[in-house]
Amino acid sequence: MPLLEAGPWFSCKPKEIAMIHLSIPKMACGGCASGVTKAILALDPDARVDTSTERREVTVDTVSNQAQVQSALAEAGYPSTPVA
């Protein structure tokens, strides 16, 4: 479902939500998962974040693109790669 973004003069345009699935080898515990979630929510406060420390993966529904999410994660110390 597209989100609406307020623009000049309160016009709205839909924003596409992307589902991004990433492998994060350094996400080994709940504290790491919390750090990953915080980094993503700092980028997009409305993102839905689902982490799995067992698989060391995260799935994100966000209006941000994959490069932005990976950059935010790398800056937080959690480099990631796309899951095929």
Protein backbone atom coordinates (compact mmCIF):
# COMPACT_ATOMS: atom_id res chain seq x y z
CA MET A 1 0.00 0.00 0.00
CA PRO A 2 1.52 3.37 -0.99
CA LEU A 3 2.04 6.01 1.67
CA LEU A 4 1.18 9.64 1.02
CA GLU A 5 3.83 12.31 1.23
CA ALA A 6 2.92 15.92 1.93
CA GLY A 7 4.48 18.27 -0.54
CA PRO A 8 4.27 22.01 -1.19
CA TRP A 9 0.78 23.39 -0.60
CA PHE A 10 -0.23 20.13 1.07
CA SER A 11 -0.45 18.16 -2.13
CA CYS A 12 -0.02 14.44 -1.71
CA LYS A 13 1.71 11.93 -3.91
CA PRO A 14 1.95 8.20 -3.27
CA LYS A 15 5.28 6.69 -2.21
CA GLU A 16 6.02 3.08 -3.03
CA ILE A 17 6.86 0.70 -0.22
CA ALA A 18 9.66 -1.74 -0.97
CA MET A 19 10.25 -5.07 0.75
CA ILE A 20 13.97 -5.50 1.34
CA HIS A 21 15.49 -8.78 2.59
CA LEU A 22 19.10 -8.63 3.78
CA SER A 23 21.68 -10.93 5.34
CA ILE A 24 23.56 -9.37 8.27
CA PRO A 25 26.33 -11.75 9.42
CA LYS A 26 27.22 -9.62 12.48
CA MET A 27 23.64 -9.68 13.88
CA ALA A 28 24.09 -12.48 16.39
CA CYS A 29 22.03 -11.40 19.43
CA GLY A 30 19.06 -9.37 20.58
CA GLY A 31 21.24 -6.32 21.17
CA CYS A 32 22.46 -6.51 17.59
CA ALA A 33 18.88 -6.89 16.33
CA SER A 34 17.94 -3.80 18.34
CA GLY A 35 20.82 -1.85 16.76
CA VAL A 36 19.74 -2.95 13.29
CA THR A 37 16.14 -1.93 13.99
CA LYS A 38 17.23 1.47 15.37
CA ALA A 39 19.39 2.18 12.31
CA ILE A 40 16.51 1.40 9.94
CA LEU A 41 13.94 3.36 11.95
CA ALA A 42 16.28 6.38 12.02
CA LEU A 43 16.15 6.29 8.22
CA ASP A 44 12.40 5.61 7.96
CA PRO A 45 10.42 5.92 11.23
CA ASP A 46 7.41 4.20 9.60
CA ALA A 47 9.35 1.14 8.37
CA ARG A 48 8.28 -2.34 9.43
CA VAL A 49 11.34 -4.29 10.55
CA ASP A 50 11.47 -8.05 11.16
CA THR A 51 14.81 -9.41 12.40
CA SER A 52 15.93 -13.02 12.80
CA THR A 53 19.11 -13.52 14.82
CA GLU A 54 18.87 -17.26 14.12
CA ARG A 55 19.12 -16.69 10.35
CA ARG A 56 21.01 -13.38 10.75
CA GLU A 57 18.57 -11.71 8.37
CA VAL A 58 16.26 -8.71 8.35
CA THR A 59 13.17 -8.03 6.26
CA VAL A 60 12.11 -4.40 5.93
CA ASP A 61 9.01 -2.78 4.45
CA THR A 62 10.08 0.82 3.78
CA VAL A 63 9.78 3.80 1.47
CA SER A 64 13.60 3.96 1.45
CA ASN A 65 15.53 2.10 -1.23
CA GLN A 66 17.87 -0.83 -0.66
CA ALA A 67 21.04 1.25 -1.04
CA GLN A 68 19.83 3.69 1.64
CA VAL A 69 19.00 0.87 4.05
CA GLN A 70 22.34 -0.88 3.46
CA SER A 71 24.21 2.41 3.94
CA ALA A 72 22.40 3.09 7.25
CA LEU A 73 23.19 -0.44 8.44
CA ALA A 74 26.87 -0.16 7.43
CA GLU A 75 27.17 3.17 9.28
CA ALA A 76 25.73 1.45 12.37
CA GLY A 77 28.34 -1.33 12.09
CA TYR A 78 26.14 -3.96 10.46
CA PRO A 79 27.21 -4.49 6.83
CA SER A 80 24.63 -6.40 4.83
CA THR A 81 24.09 -8.18 1.54
CA PRO A 82 20.85 -8.90 -0.32
CA VAL A 83 19.26 -12.31 0.17
CA ALA A 84 18.51 -13.96 -3.15
